[in-house]
PDB file of N, CA and C in Angstrom:
ATOM      1  N   UNK A   1     -31.550  -0.541 -30.224  1.00  0.00           N
ATOM      2  CA  UNK A   1     -30.150  -0.498 -30.044  1.00  0.00           C
ATOM      3  C   UNK A   1     -29.854   1.082 -30.673  1.00  0.00           C
ATOM      4  N   UNK A   2     -29.458   1.735 -29.869  1.00  0.00           N
ATOM      5  CA  UNK A   2     -28.416   2.913 -30.546  1.00  0.00           C
ATOM      6  C   UNK A   2     -27.352   2.691 -30.817  1.00  0.00           C
ATOM      7  N   UNK A   3     -27.344   3.004 -32.809  1.00  0.00           N
ATOM      8  CA  UNK A   3     -25.831   2.796 -33.182  1.00  0.00           C
ATOM      9  C   UNK A   3     -25.400   4.408 -33.411  1.00  0.00           C
ATOM     10  N   UNK A   4     -25.672   5.039 -32.932  1.00  0.00           N
ATOM     11  CA  UNK A   4     -25.156   6.677 -33.187  1.00  0.00           C
ATOM     12  C   UNK A   4     -24.429   6.809 -32.031  1.00  0.00           C
ATOM     13  N   UNK A   5     -23.181   7.546 -32.208  1.00  0.00           N
ATOM     14  CA  UNK A   5     -22.227   7.778 -31.409  1.00  0.00           C
ATOM     15  C   UNK A   5     -22.653   8.533 -30.415  1.00  0.00           C
ATOM     16  N   UNK A   6     -22.148   8.793 -29.504  1.00  0.00           N
ATOM     17  CA  UNK A   6     -22.911  10.403 -27.879  1.00  0.00           C
ATOM     18  C   UNK A   6     -21.599  11.392 -28.611  1.00  0.00           C
ATOM     19  N   UNK A   7     -22.138  12.388 -29.324  1.00  0.00           N
ATOM     20  CA  UNK A   7     -21.066  13.403 -29.346  1.00  0.00           C
ATOM     21  C   UNK A   7     -19.980  14.019 -28.148  1.00  0.00           C
ATOM     22  N   UNK A   8     -21.166  13.919 -27.201  1.00  0.00           N
ATOM     23  CA  UNK A   8     -20.753  14.714 -25.576  1.00  0.00           C
ATOM     24  C   UNK A   8     -19.472  13.565 -25.354  1.00  0.00           C
ATOM     25  N   UNK A   9     -19.691  12.211 -25.113  1.00  0.00           N
ATOM     26  CA  UNK A   9     -18.696  11.439 -24.609  1.00  0.00           C
ATOM     27  C   UNK A   9     -17.592  11.720 -26.045  1.00  0.00           C
ATOM     28  N   UNK A  10     -17.538  11.648 -26.653  1.00  0.00           N
ATOM     29  CA  UNK A  10     -16.425  11.717 -28.063  1.00  0.00           C
ATOM     30  C   UNK A  10     -15.871  12.623 -27.547  1.00  0.00           C
ATOM     31  N   UNK A  11     -16.218  13.927 -27.497  1.00  0.00           N
ATOM     32  CA  UNK A  11     -15.790  14.811 -27.194  1.00  0.00           C
ATOM     33  C   UNK A  11     -14.919  15.060 -25.881  1.00  0.00           C
ATOM     34  N   UNK A  12     -15.558  14.372 -24.713  1.00  0.00           N
ATOM     35  CA  UNK A  12     -14.775  14.057 -23.348  1.00  0.00           C
ATOM     36  C   UNK A  12     -13.853  13.323 -23.611  1.00  0.00           C
ATOM     37  N   UNK A  13     -13.464  12.263 -24.335  1.00  0.00           N
ATOM     38  CA  UNK A  13     -12.559  11.221 -24.624  1.00  0.00           C
ATOM     39  C   UNK A  13     -11.383  11.705 -25.183  1.00  0.00           C
ATOM     40  N   UNK A  14     -12.169  12.694 -26.339  1.00  0.00           N
ATOM     41  CA  UNK A  14     -10.803  13.614 -27.142  1.00  0.00           C
ATOM     42  C   UNK A  14     -10.216  14.479 -26.329  1.00  0.00           C
ATOM     43  N   UNK A  15     -10.956  15.531 -25.334  1.00  0.00           N
ATOM     44  CA  UNK A  15     -10.094  16.405 -24.984  1.00  0.00           C
ATOM     45  C   UNK A  15      -9.726  16.154 -23.302  1.00  0.00           C
ATOM     46  N   UNK A  16      -9.630  14.448 -23.263  1.00  0.00           N
ATOM     47  CA  UNK A  16      -9.077  14.105 -22.157  1.00  0.00           C
ATOM     48  C   UNK A  16      -9.500  14.215 -20.746  1.00  0.00           C
ATOM     49  N   UNK A  17     -10.960  14.103 -20.697  1.00  0.00           N
ATOM     50  CA  UNK A  17     -11.527  14.651 -19.598  1.00  0.00           C
ATOM     51  C   UNK A  17     -12.832  13.476 -19.734  1.00  0.00           C
ATOM     52  N   UNK A  18     -13.314  12.999 -18.412  1.00  0.00           N
ATOM     53  CA  UNK A  18     -14.259  12.080 -18.414  1.00  0.00           C
ATOM     54  C   UNK A  18     -15.016  12.253 -17.097  1.00  0.00           C
ATOM     55  N   UNK A  19     -16.426  12.579 -17.100  1.00  0.00           N
ATOM     56  CA  UNK A  19     -16.978  12.797 -16.276  1.00  0.00           C
ATOM     57  C   UNK A  19     -16.535  14.313 -15.126  1.00  0.00           C
ATOM     58  N   UNK A  20     -15.684  14.979 -15.876  1.00  0.00           N
ATOM     59  CA  UNK A  20     -15.102  16.326 -15.191  1.00  0.00           C
ATOM     60  C   UNK A  20     -13.856  15.618 -14.935  1.00  0.00           C
ATOM     61  N   UNK A  21     -13.785  14.391 -14.699  1.00  0.00           N
ATOM     62  CA  UNK A  21     -12.657  13.740 -14.326  1.00  0.00           C
ATOM     63  C   UNK A  21     -11.108  14.099 -15.651  1.00  0.00           C
ATOM     64  N   UNK A  22     -10.032  14.386 -15.282  1.00  0.00           N
ATOM     65  CA  UNK A  22      -8.810  14.737 -16.497  1.00  0.00           C
ATOM     66  C   UNK A  22      -7.730  13.505 -16.323  1.00  0.00           C
ATOM     67  N   UNK A  23      -7.733  12.847 -17.494  1.00  0.00           N
ATOM     68  CA  UNK A  23      -6.942  11.769 -17.486  1.00  0.00           C
ATOM     69  C   UNK A  23      -5.479  12.034 -17.263  1.00  0.00           C
ATOM     70  N   UNK A  24      -4.354  11.769 -16.167  1.00  0.00           N
ATOM     71  CA  UNK A  24      -3.381  11.912 -16.138  1.00  0.00           C
ATOM     72  C   UNK A  24      -2.449  11.036 -16.107  1.00  0.00           C
ATOM     73  N   UNK A  25      -1.053  11.040 -16.563  1.00  0.00           N
ATOM     74  CA  UNK A  25       0.093   9.820 -16.254  1.00  0.00           C
ATOM     75  C   UNK A  25       0.404   9.968 -14.631  1.00  0.00           C
ATOM     76  N   UNK A  26       0.455   9.177 -13.930  1.00  0.00           N
ATOM     77  CA  UNK A  26       1.380   9.379 -12.361  1.00  0.00           C
ATOM     78  C   UNK A  26       2.049  10.291 -12.124  1.00  0.00           C
ATOM     79  N   UNK A  27       3.448   9.938 -13.382  1.00  0.00           N
ATOM     80  CA  UNK A  27       4.778  10.688 -13.620  1.00  0.00           C
ATOM     81  C   UNK A  27       4.507  12.345 -13.219  1.00  0.00           C
ATOM     82  N   UNK A  28       3.371  12.644 -13.765  1.00  0.00           N
ATOM     83  CA  UNK A  28       2.937  13.983 -14.624  1.00  0.00           C
ATOM     84  C   UNK A  28       2.688  15.084 -13.246  1.00  0.00           C
ATOM     85  N   UNK A  29       1.748  14.259 -12.053  1.00  0.00           N
ATOM     86  CA  UNK A  29       1.734  14.953 -10.989  1.00  0.00           C
ATOM     87  C   UNK A  29       2.648  15.016 -10.071  1.00  0.00           C
ATOM     88  N   UNK A  30       2.806  16.247  -9.188  1.00  0.00           N
ATOM     89  CA  UNK A  30       3.326  16.650  -8.257  1.00  0.00           C
ATOM     90  C   UNK A  30       3.296  15.823  -6.813  1.00  0.00           C
ATOM     91  N   UNK A  31       4.476  15.554  -5.867  1.00  0.00           N
ATOM     92  CA  UNK A  31       4.295  15.092  -4.780  1.00  0.00           C
ATOM     93  C   UNK A  31       3.275  16.014  -4.018  1.00  0.00           C
ATOM     94  N   UNK A  32       1.891  15.373  -3.101  1.00  0.00           N
ATOM     95  CA  UNK A  32       1.227  15.939  -2.488  1.00  0.00           C
ATOM     96  C   UNK A  32      -0.154  16.151  -3.233  1.00  0.00           C
ATOM     97  N   UNK A  33      -0.229  15.662  -4.415  1.00  0.00           N
ATOM     98  CA  UNK A  33      -1.436  16.198  -5.399  1.00  0.00           C
ATOM     99  C   UNK A  33      -2.424  14.836  -4.958  1.00  0.00           C
ATOM    100  N   UNK A  34      -3.299  15.301  -4.993  1.00  0.00           N
ATOM    101  CA  UNK A  34      -4.779  13.934  -4.644  1.00  0.00           C
ATOM    102  C   UNK A  34      -4.934  13.634  -6.302  1.00  0.00           C
ATOM    103  N   UNK A  35      -5.549  12.257  -6.302  1.00  0.00           N
ATOM    104  CA  UNK A  35      -5.932  11.924  -7.545  1.00  0.00           C
ATOM    105  C   UNK A  35      -6.896  10.609  -7.131  1.00  0.00           C
ATOM    106  N   UNK A  36      -7.505  10.335  -8.072  1.00  0.00           N
ATOM    107  CA  UNK A  36      -8.461   8.842  -8.228  1.00  0.00           C
ATOM    108  C   UNK A  36      -7.728   8.107  -9.113  1.00  0.00           C
ATOM    109  N   UNK A  37      -8.316   6.562  -8.800  1.00  0.00           N
ATOM    110  CA  UNK A  37      -7.713   5.529  -9.579  1.00  0.00           C
ATOM    111  C   UNK A  37      -8.894   5.369 -10.649  1.00  0.00           C
ATOM    112  N   UNK A  38     -10.160   5.789 -10.682  1.00  0.00           N
ATOM    113  CA  UNK A  38     -11.275   5.730 -11.331  1.00  0.00           C
ATOM    114  C   UNK A  38     -12.077   6.789 -11.417  1.00  0.00           C
ATOM    115  N   UNK A  39     -12.335   6.854 -12.486  1.00  0.00           N
ATOM    116  CA  UNK A  39     -13.560   8.642 -12.654  1.00  0.00           C
ATOM    117  C   UNK A  39     -14.573   8.531 -11.299  1.00  0.00           C
ATOM    118  N   UNK A  40     -15.176   7.119 -11.070  1.00  0.00           N
ATOM    119  CA  UNK A  40     -16.306   7.363 -10.130  1.00  0.00           C
ATOM    120  C   UNK A  40     -16.006   6.362  -8.842  1.00  0.00           C
ATOM    121  N   UNK A  41     -14.508   6.523  -8.582  1.00  0.00           N
ATOM    122  CA  UNK A  41     -13.721   5.842  -7.432  1.00  0.00           C
ATOM    123  C   UNK A  41     -14.360   6.933  -6.099  1.00  0.00           C
ATOM    124  N   UNK A  42     -14.615   6.210  -5.062  1.00  0.00           N
ATOM    125  CA  UNK A  42     -14.828   6.965  -3.541  1.00  0.00           C
ATOM    126  C   UNK A  42     -13.467   7.359  -3.077  1.00  0.00           C
ATOM    127  N   UNK A  43     -12.292   6.442  -3.308  1.00  0.00           N
ATOM    128  CA  UNK A  43     -11.241   6.806  -2.367  1.00  0.00           C
ATOM    129  C   UNK A  43     -10.473   7.818  -3.583  1.00  0.00           C
ATOM    130  N   UNK A  44      -9.332   8.291  -2.561  1.00  0.00           N
ATOM    131  CA  UNK A  44      -8.716   9.305  -3.142  1.00  0.00           C
ATOM    132  C   UNK A  44      -7.358   9.272  -2.429  1.00  0.00           C
ATOM    133  N   UNK A  45      -6.233   9.333  -3.581  1.00  0.00           N
ATOM    134  CA  UNK A  45      -4.961   9.140  -3.091  1.00  0.00           C
ATOM    135  C   UNK A  45      -4.216  10.292  -3.295  1.00  0.00           C
ATOM    136  N   UNK A  46      -3.354  10.283  -2.518  1.00  0.00           N
ATOM    137  CA  UNK A  46      -2.285  11.404  -2.440  1.00  0.00           C
ATOM    138  C   UNK A  46      -0.914  10.814  -3.385  1.00  0.00           C
ATOM    139  N   UNK A  47       0.073  11.465  -4.390  1.00  0.00           N
ATOM    140  CA  UNK A  47       0.919  11.198  -4.654  1.00  0.00           C
ATOM    141  C   UNK A  47       1.927  11.242  -3.518  1.00  0.00           C
ATOM    142  N   UNK A  48       2.739  10.153  -3.517  1.00  0.00           N
ATOM    143  CA  UNK A  48       4.093  10.198  -2.306  1.00  0.00           C
ATOM    144  C   UNK A  48       5.088  10.368  -3.275  1.00  0.00           C
ATOM    145  N   UNK A  49       6.403   9.965  -2.269  1.00  0.00           N
ATOM    146  CA  UNK A  49       7.671  10.018  -2.583  1.00  0.00           C
ATOM    147  C   UNK A  49       7.936   8.788  -3.911  1.00  0.00           C
ATOM    148  N   UNK A  50       9.152   8.762  -4.769  1.00  0.00           N
ATOM    149  CA  UNK A  50       9.453   8.130  -5.832  1.00  0.00           C
ATOM    150  C   UNK A  50      10.618   7.249  -5.139  1.00  0.00           C
ATOM    151  N   UNK A  51      10.330   5.969  -5.852  1.00  0.00           N
ATOM    152  CA  UNK A  51      11.428   4.346  -5.293  1.00  0.00           C
ATOM    153  C   UNK A  51      11.727   4.356  -6.597  1.00  0.00           C
ATOM    154  N   UNK A  52      13.150   4.464  -6.454  1.00  0.00           N
ATOM    155  CA  UNK A  52      13.810   3.848  -7.674  1.00  0.00           C
ATOM    156  C   UNK A  52      14.072   2.849  -8.081  1.00  0.00           C
ATOM    157  N   UNK A  53      14.295   2.453  -9.295  1.00  0.00           N
ATOM    158  CA  UNK A  53      14.381   0.765  -9.479  1.00  0.00           C
ATOM    159  C   UNK A  53      15.265   0.223  -8.666  1.00  0.00           C
ATOM    160  N   UNK A  54      15.109  -0.922  -7.829  1.00  0.00           N
ATOM    161  CA  UNK A  54      16.275  -1.499  -7.551  1.00  0.00           C
ATOM    162  C   UNK A  54      16.465  -2.925  -7.257  1.00  0.00           C
ATOM    163  N   UNK A  55      17.243  -3.492  -6.676  1.00  0.00           N
ATOM    164  CA  UNK A  55      17.212  -5.228  -6.492  1.00  0.00           C
ATOM    165  C   UNK A  55      16.194  -5.499  -5.942  1.00  0.00           C
ATOM    166  N   UNK A  56      15.155  -4.906  -5.294  1.00  0.00           N
ATOM    167  CA  UNK A  56      13.870  -5.357  -4.728  1.00  0.00           C
ATOM    168  C   UNK A  56      12.803  -4.745  -5.351  1.00  0.00           C
ATOM    169  N   UNK A  57      12.829  -4.138  -6.243  1.00  0.00           N
ATOM    170  CA  UNK A  57      11.890  -3.835  -7.267  1.00  0.00           C
ATOM    171  C   UNK A  57      11.462  -3.026  -8.645  1.00  0.00           C
ATOM    172  N   UNK A  58      10.818  -2.931  -9.305  1.00  0.00           N
ATOM    173  CA  UNK A  58      10.802  -1.796 -10.139  1.00  0.00           C
ATOM    174  C   UNK A  58      10.566  -0.273  -9.448  1.00  0.00           C
ATOM    175  N   UNK A  59      10.710   0.458 -10.458  1.00  0.00           N
ATOM    176  CA  UNK A  59      10.335   1.880 -10.192  1.00  0.00           C
ATOM    177  C   UNK A  59       9.170   2.071  -9.667  1.00  0.00           C
ATOM    178  N   UNK A  60       8.647   2.884  -8.614  1.00  0.00           N
ATOM    179  CA  UNK A  60       7.288   3.284  -8.158  1.00  0.00           C
ATOM    180  C   UNK A  60       7.127   3.920  -7.587  1.00  0.00           C
ATOM    181  N   UNK A  61       6.105   4.666  -7.532  1.00  0.00           N
ATOM    182  CA  UNK A  61       5.515   5.668  -6.513  1.00  0.00           C
ATOM    183  C   UNK A  61       4.777   5.349  -5.688  1.00  0.00           C
ATOM    184  N   UNK A  62       5.206   5.915  -3.970  1.00  0.00           N
ATOM    185  CA  UNK A  62       4.304   5.274  -3.100  1.00  0.00           C
ATOM    186  C   UNK A  62       3.189   6.480  -2.655  1.00  0.00           C
ATOM    187  N   UNK A  63       1.713   5.761  -3.158  1.00  0.00           N
ATOM    188  CA  UNK A  63       0.493   6.431  -3.050  1.00  0.00           C
ATOM    189  C   UNK A  63      -0.218   6.587  -1.706  1.00  0.00           C
ATOM    190  N   UNK A  64      -0.438   7.542  -0.971  1.00  0.00           N
ATOM    191  CA  UNK A  64      -1.280   7.085   0.557  1.00  0.00           C
ATOM    192  C   UNK A  64      -2.864   7.698   0.259  1.00  0.00           C
ATOM    193  N   UNK A  65      -3.443   6.694   0.969  1.00  0.00           N
ATOM    194  CA  UNK A  65      -4.887   6.990   1.235  1.00  0.00           C
ATOM    195  C   UNK A  65      -5.355   8.171   1.971  1.00  0.00           C
ATOM    196  N   UNK A  66      -6.162   8.601   1.164  1.00  0.00           N
ATOM    197  CA  UNK A  66      -6.180  10.061   2.028  1.00  0.00           C
ATOM    198  C   UNK A  66      -7.005  10.076   3.188  1.00  0.00           C
ATOM    199  N   UNK A  67      -7.753   8.769   3.459  1.00  0.00           N
ATOM    200  CA  UNK A  67      -8.515   8.659   4.431  1.00  0.00           C
ATOM    201  C   UNK A  67      -7.797   7.768   5.945  1.00  0.00           C
ATOM    202  N   UNK A  68      -6.650   7.075   5.366  1.00  0.00           N
ATOM    203  CA  UNK A  68      -6.068   6.391   6.131  1.00  0.00           C
ATOM    204  C   UNK A  68      -4.602   6.145   6.036  1.00  0.00           C
ATOM    205  N   UNK A  69      -3.878   7.163   6.433  1.00  0.00           N
ATOM    206  CA  UNK A  69      -2.417   7.248   6.351  1.00  0.00           C
ATOM    207  C   UNK A  69      -1.719   6.328   6.725  1.00  0.00           C
ATOM    208  N   UNK A  70      -2.315   5.185   6.821  1.00  0.00           N
ATOM    209  CA  UNK A  70      -1.316   3.917   7.079  1.00  0.00           C
ATOM    210  C   UNK A  70      -1.480   2.915   5.950  1.00  0.00           C
ATOM    211  N   UNK A  71      -1.970   3.028   5.123  1.00  0.00           N
ATOM    212  CA  UNK A  71      -2.497   2.389   3.646  1.00  0.00           C
ATOM    213  C   UNK A  71      -1.996   3.133   2.739  1.00  0.00           C
ATOM    214  N   UNK A  72      -0.796   2.379   2.009  1.00  0.00           N
ATOM    215  CA  UNK A  72       0.226   2.781   1.124  1.00  0.00           C
ATOM    216  C   UNK A  72       0.213   1.591   0.054  1.00  0.00           C
ATOM    217  N   UNK A  73      -0.164   2.675  -1.212  1.00  0.00           N
ATOM    218  CA  UNK A  73       0.110   1.104  -2.480  1.00  0.00           C
ATOM    219  C   UNK A  73       1.177   2.041  -3.443  1.00  0.00           C
ATOM    220  N   UNK A  74       1.816   1.124  -3.759  1.00  0.00           N
ATOM    221  CA  UNK A  74       3.213   1.329  -5.160  1.00  0.00           C
ATOM    222  C   UNK A  74       2.408   1.068  -6.429  1.00  0.00           C
ATOM    223  N   UNK A  75       2.185   2.293  -7.101  1.00  0.00           N
ATOM    224  CA  UNK A  75       2.228   2.346  -8.401  1.00  0.00           C
ATOM    225  C   UNK A  75       3.003   2.560  -9.605  1.00  0.00           C
ATOM    226  N   UNK A  76       3.083   2.073 -10.671  1.00  0.00           N
ATOM    227  CA  UNK A  76       3.747   2.360 -11.867  1.00  0.00           C
ATOM    228  C   UNK A  76       4.260   4.005 -12.011  1.00  0.00           C
ATOM    229  N   UNK A  77       4.729   4.270 -12.392  1.00  0.00           N
ATOM    230  CA  UNK A  77       5.176   5.676 -12.871  1.00  0.00           C
ATOM    231  C   UNK A  77       3.986   6.082 -14.168  1.00  0.00           C
ATOM    232  N   UNK A  78       3.920   4.992 -15.152  1.00  0.00           N
ATOM    233  CA  UNK A  78       2.825   5.473 -16.202  1.00  0.00           C
ATOM    234  C   UNK A  78       1.381   5.328 -15.886  1.00  0.00           C
ATOM    235  N   UNK A  79       1.334   4.640 -14.822  1.00  0.00           N
ATOM    236  CA  UNK A  79       0.011   4.389 -14.413  1.00  0.00           C
ATOM    237  C   UNK A  79      -0.976   5.919 -15.194  1.00  0.00           C
ATOM    238  N   UNK A  80      -2.186   5.483 -15.356  1.00  0.00           N
ATOM    239  CA  UNK A  80      -3.053   6.381 -15.837  1.00  0.00           C
ATOM    240  C   UNK A  80      -4.017   6.960 -14.673  1.00  0.00           C
ATOM    241  N   UNK A  81      -3.957   8.083 -14.293  1.00  0.00           N
ATOM    242  CA  UNK A  81      -5.239   8.394 -13.094  1.00  0.00           C
ATOM    243  C   UNK A  81      -5.962   9.486 -13.055  1.00  0.00           C
ATOM    244  N   UNK A  82      -6.731   9.894 -12.305  1.00  0.00           N
ATOM    245  CA  UNK A  82      -7.543  10.958 -12.531  1.00  0.00           C
ATOM    246  C   UNK A  82      -7.570  11.813 -11.423  1.00  0.00           C
ATOM    247  N   UNK A  83      -8.043  13.136 -11.824  1.00  0.00           N
ATOM    248  CA  UNK A  83      -7.758  14.024 -11.337  1.00  0.00           C
ATOM    249  C   UNK A  83      -9.035  15.094 -11.873  1.00  0.00           C
ATOM    250  N   UNK A  84      -9.318  16.097 -10.778  1.00  0.00           N
ATOM    251  CA  UNK A  84     -10.524  17.369 -10.862  1.00  0.00           C
ATOM    252  C   UNK A  84      -9.963  17.801 -12.273  1.00  0.00           C
ATOM    253  N   UNK A  85     -10.877  18.014 -12.694  1.00  0.00           N
ATOM    254  CA  UNK A  85     -10.722  19.152 -14.017  1.00  0.00           C
ATOM    255  C   UNK A  85     -11.089  20.740 -13.628  1.00  0.00           C
ATOM    256  N   UNK A  86     -10.444  21.194 -13.543  1.00  0.00           N
ATOM    257  CA  UNK A  86     -10.633  22.619 -13.082  1.00  0.00           C
ATOM    258  C   UNK A  86     -11.181  23.377 -14.405  1.00  0.00           C
TER     259      UNK A  86
END
């Protein structure tokens, strides 16, 4: 069993990137930007409009699947998502 820490992995976590993907809070993305829910996910989503908190539910962003425009998921603004690190 390897007990030594992986310095590359530690550097990636410290810098906020993982497997070439950058960790970002959903509220920091602009409308229309692409993101993934996990760094190794196949599906990409597009950040859509903001829904204010009301009697029907909490505040959320409508995020559309990039391959199926009829599929929309509601995510909290504080959700951590992954974008490609440029």
